[in-house]
N, C-alpha and C. Protein backbone atom coordinates (compact mmCIF):
# COMPACT_ATOMS: atom_id res chain seq x y z
N MET A 1 3.98 -21.33 39.58
CA MET A 1 3.43 -20.80 39.39
C MET A 1 2.80 -20.41 38.80
N ALA A 2 2.05 -21.80 37.14
CA ALA A 2 1.31 -21.31 36.27
C ALA A 2 -0.57 -21.18 36.66
N GLY A 3 -0.52 -19.39 36.35
CA GLY A 3 -1.81 -20.10 36.56
C GLY A 3 -2.56 -19.60 35.92
N PRO A 4 -4.45 -19.11 35.81
CA PRO A 4 -5.47 -18.57 34.57
C PRO A 4 -4.56 -17.45 33.95
N LEU A 5 -4.10 -16.81 34.93
CA LEU A 5 -3.95 -15.35 33.87
C LEU A 5 -2.28 -15.62 33.03
N ALA A 6 -1.58 -16.55 33.41
CA ALA A 6 0.50 -16.36 32.97
C ALA A 6 -0.59 -17.28 31.36
N TYR A 7 -1.23 -18.07 31.40
CA TYR A 7 -1.84 -19.13 30.29
C TYR A 7 -2.80 -18.02 30.25
N TYR A 8 -3.54 -17.31 30.73
CA TYR A 8 -4.01 -15.43 29.29
C TYR A 8 -3.40 -14.81 28.80
N ARG A 9 -2.19 -14.77 29.45
CA ARG A 9 -1.13 -13.86 29.19
C ARG A 9 -0.89 -14.09 27.81
N ASP A 10 0.02 -15.14 28.36
CA ASP A 10 0.71 -16.19 26.56
C ASP A 10 0.40 -16.13 25.57
N THR A 11 -1.20 -16.61 26.43
CA THR A 11 -2.32 -17.28 24.94
C THR A 11 -2.17 -16.05 24.01
N MET A 12 -2.43 -14.84 24.83
CA MET A 12 -2.13 -12.86 23.73
C MET A 12 -1.69 -12.46 23.59
N LEU A 13 -0.31 -13.17 24.13
CA LEU A 13 1.16 -13.29 22.79
C LEU A 13 1.07 -13.57 22.20
N GLN A 14 0.91 -14.86 21.36
CA GLN A 14 0.27 -16.20 20.71
C GLN A 14 0.04 -15.41 20.25
N ARG A 15 -1.25 -14.80 20.17
CA ARG A 15 -2.16 -14.06 19.18
C ARG A 15 -1.94 -12.91 18.56
N GLY A 16 -0.87 -12.27 19.83
CA GLY A 16 -0.10 -10.65 18.80
C GLY A 16 0.74 -11.16 18.18
N ALA A 17 1.74 -12.12 18.45
CA ALA A 17 2.44 -11.92 16.97
C ALA A 17 2.22 -13.61 15.56
N GLN A 18 1.37 -13.92 16.10
CA GLN A 18 0.72 -14.26 15.01
C GLN A 18 -0.22 -13.02 14.33
N VAL A 19 -0.95 -12.35 14.24
CA VAL A 19 -1.30 -10.53 14.00
C VAL A 19 -0.26 -10.59 13.17
N ARG A 20 1.16 -10.14 13.72
CA ARG A 20 2.54 -9.30 13.26
C ARG A 20 2.77 -9.83 11.84
N ARG A 21 2.53 -11.98 12.54
CA ARG A 21 3.76 -12.60 11.01
C ARG A 21 2.22 -12.12 10.02
N GLU A 22 0.88 -12.53 10.01
CA GLU A 22 0.43 -11.62 8.83
C GLU A 22 0.02 -10.82 8.84
N GLN A 23 0.01 -9.85 9.08
CA GLN A 23 0.23 -8.47 8.39
C GLN A 23 1.81 -8.02 7.71
N GLU A 24 3.06 -8.54 7.77
CA GLU A 24 4.00 -8.56 7.80
C GLU A 24 3.77 -9.26 5.49
N ARG A 25 3.09 -10.71 6.89
CA ARG A 25 2.58 -11.25 4.95
C ARG A 25 2.28 -11.20 4.15
N ARG A 26 1.02 -10.31 4.25
CA ARG A 26 0.20 -9.41 3.87
C ARG A 26 1.06 -7.73 3.06
N ARG A 27 1.71 -7.42 4.24
CA ARG A 27 2.58 -5.93 3.91
C ARG A 27 3.61 -6.51 2.41
N ARG A 28 4.15 -7.83 2.91
CA ARG A 28 4.87 -8.32 0.77
C ARG A 28 3.97 -9.06 0.00
N ARG A 29 3.51 -9.11 0.51
CA ARG A 29 2.21 -9.44 -0.60
C ARG A 29 1.91 -7.85 -1.29
N ALA A 30 1.38 -7.52 -0.91
CA ALA A 30 1.69 -6.01 -0.95
C ALA A 30 2.25 -5.01 -1.73
N ARG A 31 3.77 -4.99 -1.03
CA ARG A 31 4.68 -4.47 -1.74
C ARG A 31 4.08 -5.26 -3.07
N LYS A 32 4.50 -6.45 -3.38
CA LYS A 32 4.97 -7.14 -4.62
C LYS A 32 3.72 -6.80 -5.61
N THR A 33 2.82 -7.32 -4.77
CA THR A 33 1.90 -6.19 -5.90
C THR A 33 1.04 -4.87 -6.32
N ALA A 34 2.62 -3.95 -5.51
CA ALA A 34 2.26 -2.30 -5.62
C ALA A 34 3.60 -2.50 -7.20
N ARG A 35 5.20 -2.92 -6.85
CA ARG A 35 5.63 -2.53 -8.58
C ARG A 35 5.03 -3.12 -9.33
N HIS A 36 4.19 -4.45 -8.96
CA HIS A 36 3.71 -5.19 -10.59
C HIS A 36 2.51 -3.91 -11.15
N VAL A 37 2.05 -3.19 -10.17
CA VAL A 37 1.32 -2.51 -10.53
C VAL A 37 1.57 -1.19 -11.49
N ALA A 38 2.96 -1.10 -10.54
CA ALA A 38 4.01 0.09 -10.74
C ALA A 38 3.96 -0.17 -12.39
N GLU A 39 4.67 -0.87 -12.61
CA GLU A 39 5.44 -1.48 -13.81
C GLU A 39 3.93 -1.24 -14.96
N TYR A 40 2.78 -1.73 -14.92
CA TYR A 40 1.32 -1.39 -15.93
C TYR A 40 1.96 -0.43 -15.64
N LEU A 41 1.19 0.72 -15.05
CA LEU A 41 1.18 1.88 -15.13
C LEU A 41 2.23 2.81 -16.54
N ARG A 42 3.23 2.55 -15.62
CA ARG A 42 4.61 2.69 -17.22
C ARG A 42 4.42 2.08 -18.29
N HIS A 43 3.89 0.89 -18.50
CA HIS A 43 4.07 -0.58 -19.79
C HIS A 43 2.51 0.98 -20.08
N ALA A 44 1.47 -0.09 -19.67
CA ALA A 44 0.11 1.09 -20.39
C ALA A 44 -0.59 2.28 -20.05
N TYR A 45 0.04 3.54 -19.87
CA TYR A 45 -0.24 4.74 -20.16
C TYR A 45 0.67 5.51 -19.67
N GLY A 46 2.07 5.01 -19.91
CA GLY A 46 3.27 5.93 -20.16
C GLY A 46 3.51 6.65 -18.95
N ALA A 47 3.37 6.28 -17.04
CA ALA A 47 3.33 7.39 -15.65
C ALA A 47 4.74 7.13 -16.27
N ALA A 48 4.93 8.21 -15.72
CA ALA A 48 6.37 8.58 -15.98
C ALA A 48 7.49 8.54 -14.30
N ARG A 49 6.32 8.29 -12.85
CA ARG A 49 6.87 8.08 -12.48
C ARG A 49 6.00 7.14 -11.45
N VAL A 50 5.76 6.88 -10.29
CA VAL A 50 5.19 5.91 -9.37
C VAL A 50 5.73 5.44 -8.23
N VAL A 51 4.76 6.17 -6.71
CA VAL A 51 5.50 6.10 -6.00
C VAL A 51 4.44 5.14 -4.99
N LEU A 52 5.55 5.08 -4.42
CA LEU A 52 4.36 4.09 -2.74
C LEU A 52 4.24 5.03 -1.45
N PHE A 53 3.03 5.48 -0.83
CA PHE A 53 3.12 6.11 0.26
C PHE A 53 2.21 5.19 1.25
N ARG A 54 2.39 6.39 2.17
CA ARG A 54 0.64 6.25 3.28
C ARG A 54 1.58 4.02 3.83
N PRO A 55 0.24 3.90 4.60
CA PRO A 55 1.15 2.44 5.66
C PRO A 55 2.91 2.27 4.43
N MET A 56 1.67 1.93 3.49
CA MET A 56 2.58 0.67 2.80
C MET A 56 4.78 1.43 2.37
N ALA A 57 4.79 2.45 2.80
CA ALA A 57 5.78 3.36 2.48
C ALA A 57 6.71 3.25 3.89
N GLY A 58 6.51 2.54 5.48
CA GLY A 58 7.20 3.15 5.86
C GLY A 58 6.80 1.39 6.24
N GLU A 59 8.04 0.60 7.78
CA GLU A 59 7.86 -1.15 8.24
C GLU A 59 6.57 -0.46 9.28
N GLU A 60 6.80 0.45 10.53
CA GLU A 60 5.81 0.47 11.50
C GLU A 60 4.50 0.67 11.38
N ALA A 61 4.14 0.55 10.07
CA ALA A 61 2.57 0.90 10.45
C ALA A 61 1.65 -0.66 10.18
N PRO A 62 1.20 -0.53 10.98
CA PRO A 62 0.80 -2.05 10.70
C PRO A 62 0.00 -1.79 9.41
N PHE A 63 -0.57 -3.09 8.54
CA PHE A 63 -1.25 -3.14 7.47
C PHE A 63 -1.94 -4.33 7.08
N GLY A 64 -2.42 -4.61 7.91
CA GLY A 64 -4.11 -4.95 7.74
C GLY A 64 -5.14 -5.02 6.57
N PRO A 65 -6.40 -6.28 6.69
CA PRO A 65 -6.82 -6.44 6.10
C PRO A 65 -7.75 -5.66 5.25
N GLN A 66 -7.63 -4.04 5.95
CA GLN A 66 -8.59 -2.92 5.04
C GLN A 66 -7.86 -2.13 4.87
N SER A 67 -6.43 -1.91 4.99
CA SER A 67 -5.10 -0.87 4.30
C SER A 67 -5.02 -1.47 2.73
N ASP A 68 -4.85 -0.14 2.17
CA ASP A 68 -4.93 -0.13 0.99
C ASP A 68 -2.92 0.22 0.47
N ILE A 69 -3.30 -0.33 -1.29
CA ILE A 69 -2.14 0.52 -1.28
C ILE A 69 -1.82 1.79 -2.18
N GLY A 70 -1.52 2.87 -1.37
CA GLY A 70 -1.39 4.21 -1.70
C GLY A 70 -0.21 4.64 -2.90
N LEU A 71 -0.51 4.68 -4.13
CA LEU A 71 0.38 5.37 -5.48
C LEU A 71 -0.26 6.42 -5.42
N ALA A 72 1.43 6.97 -5.51
CA ALA A 72 1.34 8.19 -6.32
C ALA A 72 2.04 8.78 -8.10
N VAL A 73 0.80 8.91 -8.83
CA VAL A 73 2.17 8.93 -10.10
C VAL A 73 2.18 10.91 -10.51
N ARG A 74 3.12 10.03 -11.61
CA ARG A 74 3.80 11.88 -12.37
C ARG A 74 3.37 10.46 -13.96
N GLY A 75 2.62 12.04 -14.79
CA GLY A 75 2.82 11.01 -16.13
C GLY A 75 1.69 10.86 -16.96
N LEU A 76 0.50 10.68 -15.78
CA LEU A 76 -0.28 9.58 -16.44
C LEU A 76 -1.66 10.66 -16.64
N ASP A 77 -1.75 10.52 -17.49
CA ASP A 77 -3.14 11.68 -18.58
C ASP A 77 -4.08 11.44 -18.15
N LYS A 78 -4.59 13.13 -18.06
CA LYS A 78 -6.00 12.79 -16.90
C LYS A 78 -6.99 12.55 -18.20
N ALA A 79 -6.67 11.97 -19.41
CA ALA A 79 -8.38 11.48 -19.87
C ALA A 79 -7.92 10.19 -19.82
N ASP A 80 -6.80 9.25 -19.95
CA ASP A 80 -6.83 8.22 -18.55
C ASP A 80 -7.17 7.30 -17.32
N TYR A 81 -7.27 8.88 -16.58
CA TYR A 81 -7.05 8.48 -15.11
C TYR A 81 -8.30 7.22 -14.80
N PHE A 82 -9.80 7.73 -15.08
CA PHE A 82 -10.51 6.95 -14.11
C PHE A 82 -10.03 5.37 -15.30
N GLU A 83 -10.34 4.88 -16.27
CA GLU A 83 -9.79 3.87 -17.12
C GLU A 83 -8.69 3.25 -16.39
N ALA A 84 -7.96 4.13 -16.14
CA ALA A 84 -6.42 3.48 -15.35
C ALA A 84 -6.95 2.72 -13.85
N ILE A 85 -7.35 4.04 -13.49
CA ILE A 85 -7.52 3.28 -11.79
C ILE A 85 -8.61 1.77 -12.09
N ALA A 86 -9.47 1.35 -12.79
CA ALA A 86 -10.20 0.27 -13.23
C ALA A 86 -9.70 -1.07 -13.07
N HIS A 87 -8.29 -0.27 -14.55
CA HIS A 87 -7.27 -2.07 -14.63
C HIS A 87 -6.71 -2.01 -13.65
N VAL A 88 -6.06 -1.06 -13.15
CA VAL A 88 -5.29 -1.38 -12.18
C VAL A 88 -5.56 -2.19 -10.47
N GLN A 89 -7.32 -1.48 -9.99
CA GLN A 89 -8.21 -2.40 -8.89
C GLN A 89 -7.80 -3.44 -9.54
N ASP A 90 -8.60 -4.37 -11.04
CA ASP A 90 -8.54 -5.16 -11.52
C ASP A 90 -6.54 -5.92 -11.45
N GLU A 91 -6.04 -5.38 -12.23
CA GLU A 91 -4.50 -5.76 -11.19
C GLU A 91 -3.52 -5.80 -10.17
N ALA A 92 -4.59 -4.71 -9.21
CA ALA A 92 -3.82 -5.36 -7.57
C ALA A 92 -5.00 -6.55 -6.97
N ALA A 93 -5.98 -7.08 -6.69
CA ALA A 93 -6.33 -7.41 -6.68
C ALA A 93 -6.28 -8.43 -5.99
N PRO A 94 -6.28 -8.68 -4.91
CA PRO A 94 -7.43 -9.05 -3.86
C PRO A 94 -6.60 -7.20 -3.16
N PHE A 95 -6.68 -7.08 -3.27
CA PHE A 95 -5.76 -5.20 -2.63
C PHE A 95 -6.34 -4.15 -2.76
N GLN A 96 -6.63 -2.75 -2.43
CA GLN A 96 -8.03 -1.76 -3.31
C GLN A 96 -6.72 -0.87 -2.98
N VAL A 97 -6.08 0.25 -4.74
CA VAL A 97 -5.19 0.86 -4.71
C VAL A 97 -5.90 2.07 -4.76
N ASP A 98 -4.98 3.22 -3.87
CA ASP A 98 -6.23 5.18 -3.80
C ASP A 98 -4.59 5.24 -4.76
N LEU A 99 -5.37 5.02 -5.96
CA LEU A 99 -4.19 6.37 -7.41
C LEU A 99 -4.92 7.48 -7.38
N VAL A 100 -3.58 8.50 -7.18
CA VAL A 100 -3.96 9.87 -7.22
C VAL A 100 -2.60 10.33 -8.57
N ARG A 101 -2.90 12.12 -9.39
CA ARG A 101 -2.10 12.09 -10.44
C ARG A 101 -1.52 13.28 -9.22
N LEU A 102 -0.04 13.16 -9.25
CA LEU A 102 0.81 13.77 -8.48
C LEU A 102 0.24 15.39 -9.04
N GLU A 103 0.39 15.51 -10.99
CA GLU A 103 -0.25 16.81 -11.22
C GLU A 103 -1.62 17.48 -10.87
N GLN A 104 -2.62 16.05 -10.22
CA GLN A 104 -3.79 17.48 -9.72
C GLN A 104 -4.01 17.26 -8.23
N CYS A 105 -3.29 16.00 -6.86
CA CYS A 105 -3.69 16.27 -5.79
C CYS A 105 -2.91 17.38 -5.57
N PRO A 106 -4.19 17.75 -4.01
CA PRO A 106 -3.57 18.96 -3.14
C PRO A 106 -1.99 19.31 -3.03
N ALA A 107 -1.46 20.00 -2.88
CA ALA A 107 -0.26 20.56 -2.27
C ALA A 107 -0.21 20.04 -0.24
N SER A 108 -0.66 19.55 0.16
CA SER A 108 -0.74 19.15 1.31
C SER A 108 0.00 17.76 0.54
N LEU A 109 -0.80 16.81 0.49
CA LEU A 109 -0.97 15.41 -0.47
C LEU A 109 0.58 15.33 -0.73
N ARG A 110 1.52 16.16 -2.04
CA ARG A 110 2.38 16.40 -2.36
C ARG A 110 3.50 15.93 -1.91
N ASP A 111 3.38 16.82 -0.05
CA ASP A 111 4.49 16.80 1.12
C ASP A 111 4.20 15.09 1.35
N VAL A 112 3.58 15.20 1.28
CA VAL A 112 3.52 13.66 2.48
C VAL A 112 3.65 12.83 1.92
N VAL A 113 4.25 12.50 -0.10
CA VAL A 113 4.06 11.87 -1.35
C VAL A 113 5.86 12.37 -1.01
N ARG A 114 6.51 13.19 -0.85
CA ARG A 114 8.26 13.71 -1.32
C ARG A 114 8.35 13.13 0.18
N ARG A 115 7.78 13.83 1.11
CA ARG A 115 8.27 13.46 2.57
C ARG A 115 8.20 11.76 3.22
N GLU A 116 7.03 10.87 2.70
CA GLU A 116 7.28 10.20 3.49
C GLU A 116 7.24 8.99 2.00
N GLY A 117 7.22 9.35 0.72
CA GLY A 117 6.48 8.05 0.00
C GLY A 117 8.13 6.91 -0.35
N ARG A 118 8.35 6.76 -1.73
CA ARG A 118 9.16 5.57 -1.77
C ARG A 118 9.35 5.43 -3.45
N GLU A 119 10.18 5.79 -4.67
CA GLU A 119 9.69 5.09 -5.45
C GLU A 119 9.97 4.33 -5.62
N ILE A 120 8.81 3.48 -6.61
CA ILE A 120 8.88 2.31 -7.18
C ILE A 120 9.82 1.77 -8.60
């Protein structure tokens, strides 16, 4: 006997599955974008190391429409930082990128990048 609660439950399960599929598609697109941006930073600015961190580094964290791509970079000259951010945002659209210089970020963030980050 399928009552209204069963219908509601099935609908919610379907919607949840749809949301998870969309998050996974978005995560795949964002990872591809992150690899592209990393290559751009190496080529255009001589970055020695680019590390993906925060929600993009792990598989378990949701990656929704408000999520950004966290990139930590080593070897990006301080004088080029703001120009690089502007170019990276253009390269990564429609995603937002949180770009940090490892040489200049707080030790606590460096620890997070070292523990959870993945070099790309």
